[in-house]
Protein backbone atom coordinates (compact mmCIF):
# COMPACT_ATOMS: atom_id res chain seq x y z
CA MET A 1 314.03 116.77 -19.96
CA THR A 2 314.94 116.99 -24.04
CA PHE A 3 313.23 114.27 -26.33
CA PRO A 4 314.67 113.13 -29.77
CA ASP A 5 313.27 114.89 -32.82
CA ARG A 6 310.43 112.21 -34.17
CA ALA A 7 312.04 112.54 -37.41
CA ASN A 8 315.49 111.00 -36.17
CA LEU A 9 313.56 107.68 -34.66
CA CYS A 10 313.68 106.92 -38.48
CA PRO A 11 317.01 106.81 -39.59
CA ALA A 12 317.97 106.81 -43.18
CA SER A 13 319.12 103.19 -42.72
CA ALA A 14 315.26 102.02 -41.82
CA GLU A 15 313.94 104.38 -44.63
CA ALA A 16 316.00 102.03 -46.88
CA THR A 17 315.32 98.96 -45.48
CA ILE A 18 311.37 99.32 -45.91
CA PHE A 19 311.97 100.57 -49.44
CA THR A 20 313.75 97.25 -49.99
CA LEU A 21 311.17 95.06 -48.54
CA GLY A 22 308.69 96.87 -50.91
CA ASP A 23 310.72 95.45 -53.87
CA ASN A 24 311.00 92.07 -52.51
CA ARG A 25 307.39 92.06 -52.50
CA GLN A 26 307.21 93.47 -55.73
CA ALA A 27 309.43 90.55 -57.02
CA GLU A 28 307.48 87.61 -55.15
CA ALA A 29 304.47 89.16 -56.68
CA LYS A 30 305.91 89.03 -60.10
CA GLU A 31 307.64 85.12 -59.89
CA PRO A 32 304.48 83.13 -59.94
CA SER A 33 304.13 84.70 -63.20
CA LEU A 34 307.41 84.45 -64.94
CA HIS A 35 307.25 80.57 -63.35
CA ARG A 36 303.84 80.61 -65.51
CA ARG A 37 305.48 81.99 -68.53
CA ILE A 38 308.90 79.86 -68.66
CA LEU A 39 306.47 76.87 -68.11
CA GLU A 40 304.07 77.53 -70.58
CA ASP A 41 306.92 79.04 -72.83
CA VAL A 42 308.83 75.85 -73.05
CA GLU A 43 305.84 73.66 -73.38
CA GLY A 44 304.97 75.30 -76.16
CA ARG A 45 307.85 74.72 -77.60
CA ILE A 46 308.12 70.97 -77.32
CA LEU A 47 304.15 70.62 -78.32
CA SER A 48 304.87 72.16 -81.50
CA GLY A 49 308.15 70.28 -82.41
CA GLU A 50 310.30 73.28 -82.16
CA TRP A 51 311.47 71.34 -79.94
CA PRO A 52 312.24 67.27 -80.78
CA PRO A 53 312.85 64.79 -78.85
CA GLY A 54 316.61 64.76 -77.50
CA HIS A 55 316.88 68.42 -77.82
CA ARG A 56 318.52 69.88 -74.65
CA ILE A 57 316.60 72.82 -73.65
CA PRO A 58 318.42 75.99 -72.62
CA PHE A 59 320.25 75.25 -69.06
CA GLU A 60 318.51 76.60 -66.29
CA HIS A 61 321.36 79.76 -65.72
CA GLU A 62 320.67 80.54 -69.25
CA LEU A 63 316.97 80.28 -68.63
CA THR A 64 317.71 82.72 -65.42
CA GLU A 65 319.54 85.22 -67.59
CA GLN A 66 316.54 85.08 -70.29
CA TYR A 67 313.71 85.91 -67.91
CA GLN A 68 315.65 88.07 -65.43
CA CYS A 69 314.08 86.04 -63.03
CA SER A 70 315.53 83.74 -59.90
CA ARG A 71 317.21 80.37 -60.28
CA MET A 72 314.31 79.09 -57.86
CA THR A 73 311.66 79.97 -60.65
CA VAL A 74 313.47 78.38 -62.98
CA ASN A 75 313.74 75.54 -61.81
CA LYS A 76 309.98 74.82 -60.46
CA ALA A 77 309.03 75.54 -63.96
CA ILE A 78 311.52 72.56 -65.25
CA THR A 79 310.34 70.48 -62.48
CA GLU A 80 306.69 70.84 -63.33
CA LEU A 81 307.93 69.77 -66.75
CA VAL A 82 309.31 66.76 -65.69
CA LYS A 83 306.49 65.84 -63.81
CA ARG A 84 304.25 66.24 -67.12
CA GLY A 85 307.04 63.58 -68.54
CA LEU A 86 307.79 66.38 -71.14
CA ILE A 87 311.35 66.62 -70.51
CA GLU A 88 314.01 64.53 -68.46
CA ARG A 89 317.25 65.68 -66.32
CA ARG A 90 320.66 63.68 -67.19
CA ARG A 91 323.39 64.39 -64.42
CA LYS A 92 325.81 66.62 -65.79
CA SER A 93 324.47 67.09 -69.03
CA GLY A 94 321.32 69.04 -68.65
CA SER A 95 317.57 68.93 -69.57
CA TYR A 96 316.48 67.33 -72.73
CA VAL A 97 312.88 67.10 -74.32
CA THR A 98 311.97 63.45 -73.79
CA HIS A 99 311.11 60.64 -76.83
CA PRO A 100 307.08 59.46 -76.15
CA HIS A 101 306.33 56.92 -74.27
CA ALA A 102 304.39 53.98 -75.81
CA GLN A 103 301.52 53.71 -73.00
CA SER A 104 301.20 57.24 -72.46
CA ALA A 105 297.63 58.30 -72.26
CA VAL A 106 295.41 60.39 -70.11
CA LEU A 107 293.82 57.29 -68.94
CA GLU A 108 296.89 54.52 -69.55
CA ILE A 109 295.92 51.30 -71.93
CA HIS A 110 296.48 48.41 -69.75
CA ASP A 111 297.07 45.02 -70.57
CA ILE A 112 293.79 43.67 -68.75
CA ARG A 113 296.16 40.87 -67.35
CA LEU A 114 298.09 42.93 -65.61
CA GLU A 115 295.02 44.51 -64.07
CA VAL A 116 293.73 40.98 -62.91
CA GLU A 117 296.69 40.07 -61.40
CA SER A 118 297.20 43.20 -59.47
CA LEU A 119 294.26 42.14 -57.23
CA GLY A 120 296.50 39.05 -56.47
CA LEU A 121 293.82 36.99 -58.55
CA PRO A 122 294.99 34.15 -61.34
CA TYR A 123 293.93 35.34 -64.37
CA ARG A 124 292.58 33.46 -67.67
CA TYR A 125 291.19 34.76 -71.19
CA GLU A 126 288.71 33.37 -73.47
CA ARG A 127 288.04 33.80 -76.85
CA ARG A 128 284.36 33.75 -77.87
CA THR A 129 283.80 34.57 -81.54
CA ARG A 130 286.20 36.05 -83.82
CA VAL A 131 285.41 36.55 -87.68
CA ASN A 132 286.58 38.51 -90.79
CA ARG A 133 284.63 40.84 -92.16
CA ALA A 134 283.57 43.94 -94.27
CA ALA A 135 283.07 47.28 -92.52
CA LYS A 136 279.59 47.82 -91.98
CA ALA A 137 278.15 51.76 -92.33
CA GLY A 138 278.35 52.08 -88.66
CA ASP A 139 281.76 51.02 -87.63
CA ARG A 140 282.97 52.75 -90.88
CA ARG A 141 281.51 56.18 -89.01
CA LEU A 142 282.90 55.01 -85.99
CA MET A 143 286.42 54.41 -87.29
CA GLU A 144 285.97 56.77 -90.24
CA LEU A 145 286.82 53.97 -92.57
CA SER A 146 286.75 53.69 -96.52
CA GLU A 147 283.81 51.92 -98.32
CA SER A 148 286.20 48.77 -98.97
CA ALA A 149 287.70 48.81 -95.39
CA ARG A 150 287.77 45.17 -93.58
CA LEU A 151 287.83 44.11 -90.19
CA THR A 152 288.71 41.86 -87.91
CA GLU A 153 286.08 41.41 -85.18
CA ILE A 154 286.49 39.46 -81.44
CA SER A 155 284.63 38.72 -78.79
CA ALA A 156 286.61 37.54 -75.31
CA LEU A 157 285.79 37.51 -72.18
CA HIS A 158 288.86 37.85 -69.30
CA PHE A 159 288.47 36.34 -65.50
CA ALA A 160 289.81 36.82 -62.37
CA GLY A 161 289.92 33.72 -60.60
CA ALA A 162 286.83 31.51 -61.51
CA GLN A 163 284.69 35.30 -62.15
CA PRO A 164 284.11 36.81 -65.27
CA PHE A 165 285.76 40.18 -64.59
CA CYS A 166 285.52 42.06 -68.02
CA LEU A 167 283.92 41.81 -71.62
CA GLU A 168 285.96 42.76 -74.50
CA ASP A 169 284.16 43.76 -77.65
CA ARG A 170 286.72 44.98 -80.56
CA LEU A 171 287.07 45.61 -84.24
CA ILE A 172 290.63 46.15 -85.66
CA ASN A 173 291.04 47.99 -88.86
CA LEU A 174 292.89 45.30 -91.20
CA GLU A 175 294.17 48.11 -93.12
CA ALA A 176 296.07 49.37 -90.11
CA VAL A 177 296.78 46.05 -88.84
CA PRO A 178 297.21 43.58 -92.11
CA GLU A 179 298.72 40.68 -89.92
CA ALA A 180 295.59 40.46 -87.57
CA VAL A 181 293.78 38.70 -90.37
CA ASP A 182 295.65 35.98 -90.25
CA GLU A 183 295.72 35.95 -85.83
CA SER A 184 293.35 33.53 -84.04
CA PHE A 185 293.39 35.10 -80.60
CA ASP A 186 292.73 31.83 -79.24
CA GLU A 187 295.83 32.22 -76.59
CA THR A 188 296.96 36.40 -76.36
CA ALA A 189 293.97 38.63 -76.00
CA PRO A 190 294.20 41.16 -78.82
CA GLY A 191 294.55 44.03 -76.67
CA ALA A 192 297.77 42.62 -75.78
CA TRP A 193 298.46 41.44 -78.84
CA LEU A 194 298.05 45.01 -80.07
CA ILE A 195 300.34 46.95 -77.64
CA SER A 196 303.00 44.88 -78.41
CA ARG A 197 302.95 44.86 -82.08
CA VAL A 198 301.70 48.07 -83.35
CA PRO A 199 302.64 51.72 -82.23
CA TRP A 200 299.88 54.15 -81.29
CA SER A 201 300.09 58.20 -81.41
CA ALA A 202 296.67 58.65 -79.68
CA ALA A 203 293.53 57.43 -78.17
CA GLU A 204 290.09 58.47 -76.69
CA HIS A 205 288.10 57.23 -73.64
CA ARG A 206 284.54 57.63 -73.32
CA ILE A 207 283.42 56.00 -69.97
CA ARG A 208 279.79 55.55 -68.69
CA ALA A 209 277.64 53.46 -66.47
CA VAL A 210 275.16 51.30 -68.04
CA GLY A 211 272.70 48.55 -67.31
CA ALA A 212 273.58 45.12 -68.54
CA ASP A 213 271.77 44.21 -71.58
CA ALA A 214 270.51 40.11 -71.87
CA ARG A 215 274.14 39.31 -73.74
CA ALA A 216 276.53 40.84 -71.21
CA ALA A 217 274.79 39.77 -68.60
CA GLY A 218 274.74 36.04 -69.40
CA LEU A 219 278.21 36.18 -70.42
CA LEU A 220 279.27 37.98 -67.23
CA ALA A 221 277.38 35.75 -64.91
CA ILE A 222 275.15 38.47 -63.60
CA ALA A 223 271.69 39.19 -63.35
CA PRO A 224 269.95 41.95 -66.38
CA GLY A 225 270.39 45.37 -65.70
CA THR A 226 272.97 45.05 -63.25
CA PRO A 227 275.48 48.35 -62.95
CA CYS A 228 278.53 47.82 -65.26
CA LEU A 229 281.60 50.23 -66.55
CA VAL A 230 281.42 50.75 -69.95
CA VAL A 231 285.44 51.92 -70.96
CA GLU A 232 284.86 52.24 -74.99
CA ARG A 233 288.65 53.19 -76.64
CA ARG A 234 289.47 54.54 -80.39
CA THR A 235 292.96 54.23 -80.99
CA TRP A 236 294.89 55.36 -84.04
CA SER A 237 298.32 55.51 -85.32
CA GLY A 238 299.48 57.83 -88.46
CA GLY A 239 296.64 59.07 -89.52
CA LEU A 240 295.07 55.39 -89.34
CA TYR A 241 292.55 54.54 -86.72
CA VAL A 242 293.59 50.84 -85.72
CA THR A 243 291.05 49.39 -83.33
CA HIS A 244 287.68 50.12 -81.24
CA VAL A 245 287.04 48.43 -78.59
CA ARG A 246 284.28 48.06 -75.78
CA LEU A 247 285.01 46.47 -72.21
CA THR A 248 282.53 46.18 -70.26
CA TYR A 249 283.15 45.40 -66.46
CA PRO A 250 280.42 44.48 -63.44
CA GLY A 251 280.34 47.83 -61.53
CA GLU A 252 281.49 46.65 -58.23
CA LYS A 253 284.75 44.99 -59.81
CA HIS A 254 286.51 48.09 -61.15
CA GLU A 255 287.32 51.38 -60.68
CA LEU A 256 289.11 54.09 -62.32
CA VAL A 257 292.08 56.02 -60.70
CA ALA A 258 293.46 59.17 -62.41
CA GLU A 259 296.12 61.60 -61.43
CA PHE A 260 295.83 65.33 -62.63
CA ALA A 261 296.94 68.46 -62.16
CA PRO A 262 295.60 72.16 -62.69
CA SER A 263 297.05 74.00 -65.74
CA HIS A 264 296.04 76.81 -63.99
CA PRO A 265 296.44 76.75 -60.23
CA LYS A 266 294.73 79.79 -59.26
CA GLN A 267 291.81 78.34 -61.34
CA GLY A 268 288.61 76.46 -59.04
CA ALA A 269 287.37 73.54 -59.95
């Protein structure tokens, strides 16, 4: 009995197949880095202003040719940018850089009325105090104001049903919002009033857990020292600080939820 030569058990076609599979593995290893490169290139051009709102980005087949990659890789990068709100797809037209949304931030600026109504409870607003005054030294440092700056200072309560839901202490820069000087804020909460009138470009949040001091405890109908969630926010527009607000919530009545995604998926937390 004769046996075939072992070399003949692996024909040229098999060798070619093995080589092709190796090439595919290399391509697959290359794809994730290309996806990241495309995403960062497009995002960089948008954030730098090179591609302004309304600009049509190259078609997917153009990006496929430019980066010498698969259509799937380009589509994955574009889809991620859509999720981030940087671009929008228009049927039969292409993908375009989005116009900035009025209420977009890491933590969105919400109308407290909507927070209460989302709980299925009736909302009520009560302005406690309001005064127009010169900015103090601490105010000027906090909001980067001039020596002559003037502010509107408001203290108010927001109710959910019969119970206090949030204590609001707010300063409004009258240089940025001069019309606030004559606004009583008797009927409309200052946050909602500002949202409807003043476009803002950026905001900064600070979130802390504190024990309620005597004033906050009395207004919120809780015992002094009760844990509270305090959200402090500075908002500005066109280089001017618009407002600083301190929102104090009884700890058990409020929570913050944020959605986020890793900028580099392979990195750990």
